[in-house]
Amino acid sequence: MLQQTQVSRVLGYYERFLERFPDLAQLARAKPRHVREAWEGLGYYARARNLHRLARQVTDGGSSPNETLPSDPGQLRDLPGIGEYTAGAVASFAYERRAELVDTNVARVIRRAFAPTVDAKSTAGKRAIWEIARLLLPRTGRATWTHNQALMELGALVCTARVARCGECPVRRECLSAAVPVGKRPSARMPRMVERE
């Protein structure tokens, strides 16, 4: 529900959805129409269809009520509607597995800090960003959970799309973009960099 949607918009839907479908088996047994009705107003209706298909697949149509999602990112990616980011997020946050995840905020932080000349929108650039994210992972799953959350927060609050608050950034000493004077940065799309006052 949260992909490309603000938390404040999702909270009420999430609570109502869980009241109606408290586990994967109940979701799997629901009629597609009921799943769509519970999702109505959020948009991105393919997510609801994929979630319903996922629940049906994982629980064998609802007949195996004790089944859970796999913890392995590769197995998660094989499920309907699960891509690289969601697989990494579920593995890391739900199971404390060592798994990288790259959303828009994480990609921005990694690009600015470690690969300022990479075009993060190209296929090769995306692969490079994901590889850097993998290389940055701590050794344990529990530490990975914290690491991934910290990167997401850093991109959302400090290293934002419009303004990079370099003076507040805990990685500024390692950041390749912060080390380059504003006029000499490789990309015209780089944000205005501000130092702490």
C-alpha atoms as a PDB file:
ATOM      1  CA  MET A   1       0.000   0.000   0.000  1.00  0.00           C
ATOM      2  CA  LEU A   2       2.843   2.385   0.735  1.00  0.00           C
ATOM      3  CA  GLN A   3       4.608   2.244  -2.608  1.00  0.00           C
ATOM      4  CA  GLN A   4       4.445   5.773  -4.043  1.00  0.00           C
ATOM      5  CA  THR A   5       1.818   6.683  -1.435  1.00  0.00           C
ATOM      6  CA  GLN A   6       2.153   8.734   1.749  1.00  0.00           C
ATOM      7  CA  VAL A   7       1.754   6.992   5.098  1.00  0.00           C
ATOM      8  CA  SER A   8      -0.933   9.414   6.269  1.00  0.00           C
ATOM      9  CA  ARG A   9      -3.072   8.476   3.269  1.00  0.00           C
ATOM     10  CA  VAL A  10      -2.670   4.739   3.820  1.00  0.00           C
ATOM     11  CA  LEU A  11      -3.258   4.342   7.574  1.00  0.00           C
ATOM     12  CA  GLY A  12      -7.052   4.131   7.502  1.00  0.00           C
ATOM     13  CA  TYR A  13      -7.057   1.821   4.480  1.00  0.00           C
ATOM     14  CA  TYR A  14      -4.464  -0.441   6.093  1.00  0.00           C
ATOM     15  CA  GLU A  15      -6.436  -0.829   9.315  1.00  0.00           C
ATOM     16  CA  ARG A  16      -9.696  -1.545   7.460  1.00  0.00           C
ATOM     17  CA  PHE A  17      -7.953  -3.977   5.100  1.00  0.00           C
ATOM     18  CA  LEU A  18      -6.472  -5.942   8.019  1.00  0.00           C
ATOM     19  CA  GLU A  19      -9.832  -6.027   9.806  1.00  0.00           C
ATOM     20  CA  ARG A  20     -11.389  -7.546   6.710  1.00  0.00           C
ATOM     21  CA  PHE A  21      -8.458  -9.824   5.791  1.00  0.00           C
ATOM     22  CA  PRO A  22      -6.421 -10.483   8.969  1.00  0.00           C
ATOM     23  CA  ASP A  23      -4.185 -13.135   7.378  1.00  0.00           C
ATOM     24  CA  LEU A  24      -3.062 -14.416   3.981  1.00  0.00           C
ATOM     25  CA  ALA A  25      -5.490 -17.349   3.991  1.00  0.00           C
ATOM     26  CA  GLN A  26      -8.539 -15.121   4.495  1.00  0.00           C
ATOM     27  CA  LEU A  27      -7.299 -12.802   1.770  1.00  0.00           C
ATOM     28  CA  ALA A  28      -6.766 -15.808  -0.519  1.00  0.00           C
ATOM     29  CA  ARG A  29     -10.330 -17.055   0.052  1.00  0.00           C
ATOM     30  CA  ALA A  30     -11.861 -13.636  -0.656  1.00  0.00           C
ATOM     31  CA  LYS A  31     -13.572 -12.898  -3.931  1.00  0.00           C
ATOM     32  CA  PRO A  32     -11.562 -10.533  -6.171  1.00  0.00           C
ATOM     33  CA  ARG A  33     -14.438  -8.043  -6.008  1.00  0.00           C
ATOM     34  CA  HIS A  34     -14.149  -7.843  -2.204  1.00  0.00           C
ATOM     35  CA  VAL A  35     -10.410  -7.245  -2.385  1.00  0.00           C
ATOM     36  CA  ARG A  36     -10.951  -4.437  -4.921  1.00  0.00           C
ATOM     37  CA  GLU A  37     -13.638  -2.881  -2.691  1.00  0.00           C
ATOM     38  CA  ALA A  38     -11.305  -2.895   0.323  1.00  0.00           C
ATOM     39  CA  TRP A  39      -8.591  -1.246  -1.800  1.00  0.00           C
ATOM     40  CA  GLU A  40     -10.887   1.288  -3.449  1.00  0.00           C
ATOM     41  CA  GLY A  41      -9.610   4.864  -3.217  1.00  0.00           C
ATOM     42  CA  LEU A  42      -5.902   3.995  -3.005  1.00  0.00           C
ATOM     43  CA  GLY A  43      -5.328   3.655  -6.740  1.00  0.00           C
ATOM     44  CA  TYR A  44      -2.733   1.344  -8.266  1.00  0.00           C
ATOM     45  CA  TYR A  45      -5.312  -1.454  -8.389  1.00  0.00           C
ATOM     46  CA  ALA A  46      -2.818  -3.888  -9.897  1.00  0.00           C
ATOM     47  CA  ARG A  47      -1.274  -3.995  -6.416  1.00  0.00           C
ATOM     48  CA  ALA A  48      -4.524  -5.314  -4.952  1.00  0.00           C
ATOM     49  CA  ARG A  49      -4.839  -7.930  -7.714  1.00  0.00           C
ATOM     50  CA  ASN A  50      -1.227  -9.003  -7.228  1.00  0.00           C
ATOM     51  CA  LEU A  51      -1.592  -9.152  -3.449  1.00  0.00           C
ATOM     52  CA  HIS A  52      -4.664 -11.349  -3.861  1.00  0.00           C
ATOM     53  CA  ARG A  53      -2.809 -13.609  -6.340  1.00  0.00           C
ATOM     54  CA  LEU A  54       0.174 -13.750  -3.963  1.00  0.00           C
ATOM     55  CA  ALA A  55      -2.034 -14.800  -1.043  1.00  0.00           C
ATOM     56  CA  ARG A  56      -3.702 -17.475  -3.171  1.00  0.00           C
ATOM     57  CA  GLN A  57      -0.341 -18.810  -4.319  1.00  0.00           C
ATOM     58  CA  VAL A  58       1.318 -18.832  -0.878  1.00  0.00           C
ATOM     59  CA  THR A  59      -1.644 -20.445   0.933  1.00  0.00           C
ATOM     60  CA  ASP A  60      -2.716 -22.792  -1.861  1.00  0.00           C
ATOM     61  CA  GLY A  61      -5.939 -20.888  -2.419  1.00  0.00           C
ATOM     62  CA  GLY A  62      -6.513 -20.412   1.286  1.00  0.00           C
ATOM     63  CA  SER A  63      -6.383 -24.109   2.178  1.00  0.00           C
ATOM     64  CA  SER A  64      -3.017 -23.790   3.998  1.00  0.00           C
ATOM     65  CA  PRO A  65      -3.782 -21.081   6.565  1.00  0.00           C
ATOM     66  CA  ASN A  66      -0.479 -21.272   8.460  1.00  0.00           C
ATOM     67  CA  GLU A  67       1.709 -20.451   5.476  1.00  0.00           C
ATOM     68  CA  THR A  68       3.818 -17.297   5.562  1.00  0.00           C
ATOM     69  CA  LEU A  69       5.808 -15.382   3.011  1.00  0.00           C
ATOM     70  CA  PRO A  70       9.268 -16.760   2.321  1.00  0.00           C
ATOM     71  CA  SER A  71      12.180 -14.896   3.896  1.00  0.00           C
ATOM     72  CA  ASP A  72      14.550 -15.337   0.947  1.00  0.00           C
ATOM     73  CA  PRO A  73      14.594 -12.322  -1.430  1.00  0.00           C
ATOM     74  CA  GLY A  74      14.899 -14.584  -4.484  1.00  0.00           C
ATOM     75  CA  GLN A  75      11.850 -16.618  -3.493  1.00  0.00           C
ATOM     76  CA  LEU A  76       9.940 -13.437  -2.718  1.00  0.00           C
ATOM     77  CA  ARG A  77      10.687 -12.049  -6.206  1.00  0.00           C
ATOM     78  CA  ASP A  78       9.017 -15.137  -7.682  1.00  0.00           C
ATOM     79  CA  LEU A  79       5.683 -14.129  -6.126  1.00  0.00           C
ATOM     80  CA  PRO A  80       3.126 -11.982  -7.990  1.00  0.00           C
ATOM     81  CA  GLY A  81       3.739  -8.244  -7.641  1.00  0.00           C
ATOM     82  CA  ILE A  82       7.045  -8.574  -5.763  1.00  0.00           C
ATOM     83  CA  GLY A  83       9.978  -6.771  -7.343  1.00  0.00           C
ATOM     84  CA  GLU A  84      13.533  -6.192  -6.163  1.00  0.00           C
ATOM     85  CA  TYR A  85      12.691  -3.393  -3.753  1.00  0.00           C
ATOM     86  CA  THR A  86       9.721  -5.137  -2.105  1.00  0.00           C
ATOM     87  CA  ALA A  87      11.651  -8.407  -1.829  1.00  0.00           C
ATOM     88  CA  GLY A  88      14.526  -6.603  -0.099  1.00  0.00           C
ATOM     89  CA  ALA A  89      12.180  -4.671   2.171  1.00  0.00           C
ATOM     90  CA  VAL A  90      10.206  -7.755   3.264  1.00  0.00           C
ATOM     91  CA  ALA A  91      13.360  -9.841   3.784  1.00  0.00           C
ATOM     92  CA  SER A  92      15.109  -7.065   5.699  1.00  0.00           C
ATOM     93  CA  PHE A  93      12.282  -5.576   7.765  1.00  0.00           C
ATOM     94  CA  ALA A  94      10.053  -8.621   8.367  1.00  0.00           C
ATOM     95  CA  TYR A  95      12.720 -11.310   8.697  1.00  0.00           C
ATOM     96  CA  GLU A  96      15.874  -9.333   9.532  1.00  0.00           C
ATOM     97  CA  ARG A  97      17.631 -10.925   6.568  1.00  0.00           C
ATOM     98  CA  ARG A  98      20.717  -9.439   4.967  1.00  0.00           C
ATOM     99  CA  ALA A  99      19.066  -7.915   1.875  1.00  0.00           C
ATOM    100  CA  GLU A 100      19.652  -4.674   0.014  1.00  0.00           C
ATOM    101  CA  LEU A 101      16.808  -2.431  -1.001  1.00  0.00           C
ATOM    102  CA  VAL A 102      16.848   0.633  -3.178  1.00  0.00           C
ATOM    103  CA  ASP A 103      13.964   3.078  -3.315  1.00  0.00           C
ATOM    104  CA  THR A 104      14.157   6.606  -4.736  1.00  0.00           C
ATOM    105  CA  ASN A 105      15.622   8.018  -1.523  1.00  0.00           C
ATOM    106  CA  VAL A 106      18.256   5.298  -1.158  1.00  0.00           C
ATOM    107  CA  ALA A 107      19.240   5.595  -4.829  1.00  0.00           C
ATOM    108  CA  ARG A 108      19.731   9.341  -4.388  1.00  0.00           C
ATOM    109  CA  VAL A 109      21.916   8.932  -1.289  1.00  0.00           C
ATOM    110  CA  ILE A 110      24.048   6.214  -2.873  1.00  0.00           C
ATOM    111  CA  ARG A 111      24.438   8.115  -6.117  1.00  0.00           C
ATOM    112  CA  ARG A 112      25.442  11.351  -4.448  1.00  0.00           C
ATOM    113  CA  ALA A 113      27.725   9.764  -1.876  1.00  0.00           C
ATOM    114  CA  PHE A 114      29.439   7.069  -3.916  1.00  0.00           C
ATOM    115  CA  ALA A 115      28.653   7.422  -7.640  1.00  0.00           C
ATOM    116  CA  PRO A 116      27.870  11.047  -8.585  1.00  0.00           C
ATOM    117  CA  THR A 117      28.570  10.469 -12.290  1.00  0.00           C
ATOM    118  CA  VAL A 118      26.210   7.475 -12.590  1.00  0.00           C
ATOM    119  CA  ASP A 119      22.962   8.011 -14.447  1.00  0.00           C
ATOM    120  CA  ALA A 120      20.596   6.389 -11.936  1.00  0.00           C
ATOM    121  CA  LYS A 121      17.803   6.281 -14.537  1.00  0.00           C
ATOM    122  CA  SER A 122      19.700   4.099 -17.004  1.00  0.00           C
ATOM    123  CA  THR A 123      19.681   0.307 -16.733  1.00  0.00           C
ATOM    124  CA  ALA A 124      23.440   0.222 -16.148  1.00  0.00           C
ATOM    125  CA  GLY A 125      23.150   3.013 -13.584  1.00  0.00           C
ATOM    126  CA  LYS A 126      20.396   1.198 -11.692  1.00  0.00           C
ATOM    127  CA  ARG A 127      22.487  -1.972 -11.629  1.00  0.00           C
ATOM    128  CA  ALA A 128      25.449   0.006 -10.313  1.00  0.00           C
ATOM    129  CA  ILE A 129      23.359   1.595  -7.544  1.00  0.00           C
ATOM    130  CA  TRP A 130      21.959  -1.822  -6.500  1.00  0.00           C
ATOM    131  CA  GLU A 131      25.473  -3.296  -6.476  1.00  0.00           C
ATOM    132  CA  ILE A 132      26.745  -0.464  -4.259  1.00  0.00           C
ATOM    133  CA  ALA A 133      23.739  -1.015  -1.957  1.00  0.00           C
ATOM    134  CA  ARG A 134      24.677  -4.714  -1.722  1.00  0.00           C
ATOM    135  CA  LEU A 135      28.320  -3.903  -0.990  1.00  0.00           C
ATOM    136  CA  LEU A 136      27.339  -1.465   1.762  1.00  0.00           C
ATOM    137  CA  LEU A 137      25.273  -4.045   3.669  1.00  0.00           C
ATOM    138  CA  PRO A 138      26.349  -4.899   7.208  1.00  0.00           C
ATOM    139  CA  ARG A 139      27.217  -8.524   7.936  1.00  0.00           C
ATOM    140  CA  THR A 140      24.082  -9.379   9.945  1.00  0.00           C
ATOM    141  CA  GLY A 141      20.380  -9.132   9.208  1.00  0.00           C
ATOM    142  CA  ARG A 142      19.548  -7.204  12.361  1.00  0.00           C
ATOM    143  CA  ALA A 143      22.158  -4.565  11.494  1.00  0.00           C
ATOM    144  CA  THR A 144      20.891  -4.591   7.893  1.00  0.00           C
ATOM    145  CA  TRP A 145      17.399  -3.662   9.089  1.00  0.00           C
ATOM    146  CA  THR A 146      18.787  -0.568  10.817  1.00  0.00           C
ATOM    147  CA  HIS A 147      21.127   0.234   7.921  1.00  0.00           C
ATOM    148  CA  ASN A 148      18.328   0.099   5.321  1.00  0.00           C
ATOM    149  CA  GLN A 149      15.994   2.200   7.441  1.00  0.00           C
ATOM    150  CA  ALA A 150      18.751   4.748   8.052  1.00  0.00           C
ATOM    151  CA  LEU A 151      19.484   5.102   4.320  1.00  0.00           C
ATOM    152  CA  MET A 152      15.788   5.608   3.588  1.00  0.00           C
ATOM    153  CA  GLU A 153      15.491   8.248   6.330  1.00  0.00           C
ATOM    154  CA  LEU A 154      18.707   9.970   5.239  1.00  0.00           C
ATOM    155  CA  GLY A 155      17.299  10.373   1.731  1.00  0.00           C
ATOM    156  CA  ALA A 156      13.883  11.496   2.974  1.00  0.00           C
ATOM    157  CA  LEU A 157      15.057  14.017   5.568  1.00  0.00           C
ATOM    158  CA  VAL A 158      18.643  15.152   4.902  1.00  0.00           C
ATOM    159  CA  CYS A 159      19.746  14.313   1.365  1.00  0.00           C
ATOM    160  CA  THR A 160      16.479  15.332  -0.256  1.00  0.00           C
ATOM    161  CA  ALA A 161      15.755  15.730  -3.953  1.00  0.00           C
ATOM    162  CA  ARG A 162      15.654  19.519  -3.775  1.00  0.00           C
ATOM    163  CA  VAL A 163      18.167  20.339  -1.060  1.00  0.00           C
ATOM    164  CA  ALA A 164      21.035  18.278   0.279  1.00  0.00           C
ATOM    165  CA  ARG A 165      21.750  19.378   3.841  1.00  0.00           C
ATOM    166  CA  CYS A 166      25.406  18.405   3.766  1.00  0.00           C
ATOM    167  CA  GLY A 167      26.194  20.071   7.068  1.00  0.00           C
ATOM    168  CA  GLU A 168      23.708  17.762   8.830  1.00  0.00           C
ATOM    169  CA  CYS A 169      24.700  14.621   6.957  1.00  0.00           C
ATOM    170  CA  PRO A 170      26.417  11.843   8.914  1.00  0.00           C
ATOM    171  CA  VAL A 171      28.209  10.596   5.769  1.00  0.00           C
ATOM    172  CA  ARG A 172      29.465  13.955   4.527  1.00  0.00           C
ATOM    173  CA  ARG A 173      33.125  13.047   5.123  1.00  0.00           C
ATOM    174  CA  GLU A 174      32.750  10.085   2.746  1.00  0.00           C
ATOM    175  CA  CYS A 175      30.384  11.764   0.274  1.00  0.00           C
ATOM    176  CA  LEU A 176      31.866  12.400  -3.154  1.00  0.00           C
ATOM    177  CA  SER A 177      29.257  15.041  -4.034  1.00  0.00           C
ATOM    178  CA  ALA A 178      29.700  17.056  -0.849  1.00  0.00           C
ATOM    179  CA  ALA A 179      33.457  17.125  -1.461  1.00  0.00           C
ATOM    180  CA  VAL A 180      33.091  18.813  -4.864  1.00  0.00           C
ATOM    181  CA  PRO A 181      32.465  22.570  -5.091  1.00  0.00           C
ATOM    182  CA  VAL A 182      28.956  23.365  -6.337  1.00  0.00           C
ATOM    183  CA  GLY A 183      30.066  24.783  -9.711  1.00  0.00           C
ATOM    184  CA  LYS A 184      32.189  21.724 -10.500  1.00  0.00           C
ATOM    185  CA  ARG A 185      29.650  18.985  -9.845  1.00  0.00           C
ATOM    186  CA  PRO A 186      29.140  16.587 -12.763  1.00  0.00           C
ATOM    187  CA  SER A 187      25.353  16.850 -13.042  1.00  0.00           C
ATOM    188  CA  ALA A 188      23.178  19.888 -13.570  1.00  0.00           C
ATOM    189  CA  ARG A 189      20.451  17.985 -11.710  1.00  0.00           C
ATOM    190  CA  MET A 190      22.400  18.049  -8.461  1.00  0.00           C
ATOM    191  CA  PRO A 191      20.538  19.881  -5.718  1.00  0.00           C
ATOM    192  CA  ARG A 192      21.493  23.008  -3.930  1.00  0.00           C
ATOM    193  CA  MET A 193      23.908  21.988  -1.177  1.00  0.00           C
ATOM    194  CA  VAL A 194      23.649  23.813   2.120  1.00  0.00           C
ATOM    195  CA  GLU A 195      25.905  23.776   5.114  1.00  0.00           C
ATOM    196  CA  ARG A 196      24.572  23.813   8.651  1.00  0.00           C
ATOM    197  CA  GLU A 197      24.200  27.325   9.952  1.00  0.00           C
END
